[in-house]
Amino acid sequence: MYNTLSDFYTSKEWEKFRELLIFERLGVDGTLYCEHCNKPITKKYDCIGHHKTELTIENVNDKSVSLNPLNVMLVHHKCHNVIH
């Protein structure tokens, strides 16, 4: 059980989930493309997992929200700021 969003985003569960999404979403050329701007994400630290349904303390422990691949976009850090 996560008491804060920070606890969730620093958890091994989120890290493993994020890595799996990255692997599954690699293009045929082996490149990960931003799901917002469609440009390549070339640096690992620049890849942000954006929850379409905003993650809150009320829903962070609901895996159908927090760990649902249909609810997470992989985007550049800059694109994540634009989305928000």
Protein backbone atom coordinates (compact mmCIF):
# COMPACT_ATOMS: atom_id res chain seq x y z
CA MET A 1 0.00 0.00 0.00
CA TYR A 2 1.32 3.43 -0.97
CA ASN A 3 0.79 6.37 1.36
CA THR A 4 2.11 9.01 -1.06
CA LEU A 5 2.52 9.41 -4.81
CA SER A 6 6.25 9.67 -4.24
CA ASP A 7 6.22 6.22 -2.59
CA PHE A 8 4.55 4.82 -5.70
CA TYR A 9 6.81 6.54 -8.25
CA THR A 10 9.95 5.38 -6.44
CA SER A 11 8.71 1.79 -6.01
CA LYS A 12 10.21 -1.24 -7.72
CA GLU A 13 6.68 -2.10 -8.90
CA TRP A 14 6.43 1.16 -10.91
CA GLU A 15 10.02 0.86 -12.18
CA LYS A 16 9.40 -2.69 -13.48
CA PHE A 17 6.05 -1.71 -15.00
CA ARG A 18 7.62 1.32 -16.73
CA GLU A 19 10.50 -0.75 -18.11
CA LEU A 20 8.04 -3.35 -19.46
CA LEU A 21 6.01 -0.60 -21.17
CA ILE A 22 9.16 0.80 -22.76
CA PHE A 23 10.14 -2.64 -24.06
CA GLU A 24 6.65 -3.37 -25.38
CA ARG A 25 6.36 0.00 -27.13
CA LEU A 26 9.65 0.06 -28.97
CA GLY A 27 9.18 0.72 -32.67
CA VAL A 28 10.18 -1.86 -35.28
CA ASP A 29 13.45 0.06 -35.58
CA GLY A 30 14.13 -0.41 -31.83
CA THR A 31 13.39 3.23 -31.04
CA LEU A 32 10.91 4.47 -28.44
CA TYR A 33 8.69 7.24 -29.77
CA CYS A 34 6.94 9.85 -27.64
CA GLU A 35 3.21 9.20 -27.58
CA HIS A 36 2.55 12.94 -27.58
CA CYS A 37 4.83 14.38 -30.30
CA ASN A 38 5.87 11.12 -32.04
CA LYS A 39 9.56 12.07 -31.98
CA PRO A 40 12.19 9.61 -30.68
CA ILE A 41 12.94 9.50 -26.98
CA THR A 42 16.70 9.06 -27.06
CA LYS A 43 17.64 9.40 -23.39
CA LYS A 44 16.25 7.07 -20.73
CA TYR A 45 15.88 9.90 -18.19
CA ASP A 46 13.76 11.83 -20.73
CA CYS A 47 11.02 9.16 -20.77
CA ILE A 48 8.10 9.96 -18.45
CA GLY A 49 5.18 7.65 -17.76
CA HIS A 50 2.15 9.96 -17.94
CA HIS A 51 -1.10 8.75 -16.38
CA LYS A 52 -4.05 9.80 -18.57
CA THR A 53 -6.29 9.54 -15.51
CA GLU A 54 -4.36 11.64 -13.03
CA LEU A 55 -2.84 9.65 -10.22
CA THR A 56 -4.00 10.82 -6.81
CA ILE A 57 -3.59 9.59 -3.27
CA GLU A 58 -7.17 8.29 -3.57
CA ASN A 59 -6.47 6.06 -6.61
CA VAL A 60 -2.74 5.28 -6.38
CA ASN A 61 -3.44 1.89 -4.82
CA ASP A 62 -6.00 0.97 -7.50
CA LYS A 63 -3.90 -0.99 -9.97
CA SER A 64 -6.55 -0.59 -12.66
CA VAL A 65 -5.51 3.08 -12.63
CA SER A 66 -1.88 3.18 -11.47
CA LEU A 67 -0.56 0.12 -13.32
CA ASN A 68 -2.94 -0.02 -16.27
CA PRO A 69 -0.96 0.10 -19.54
CA LEU A 70 -3.96 1.68 -21.27
CA ASN A 71 -3.77 4.57 -18.78
CA VAL A 72 -0.05 5.34 -19.23
CA MET A 73 1.56 7.21 -22.10
CA LEU A 74 5.33 7.30 -22.55
CA VAL A 75 6.33 10.87 -23.34
CA HIS A 76 9.29 13.24 -23.29
CA HIS A 77 9.75 15.25 -20.09
CA LYS A 78 9.09 18.42 -22.10
CA CYS A 79 5.90 16.94 -23.59
CA HIS A 80 4.75 15.92 -20.11
CA ASN A 81 5.07 19.54 -19.03
CA VAL A 82 3.04 20.62 -22.08
CA ILE A 83 0.31 18.08 -21.26
CA HIS A 84 0.07 19.49 -17.74
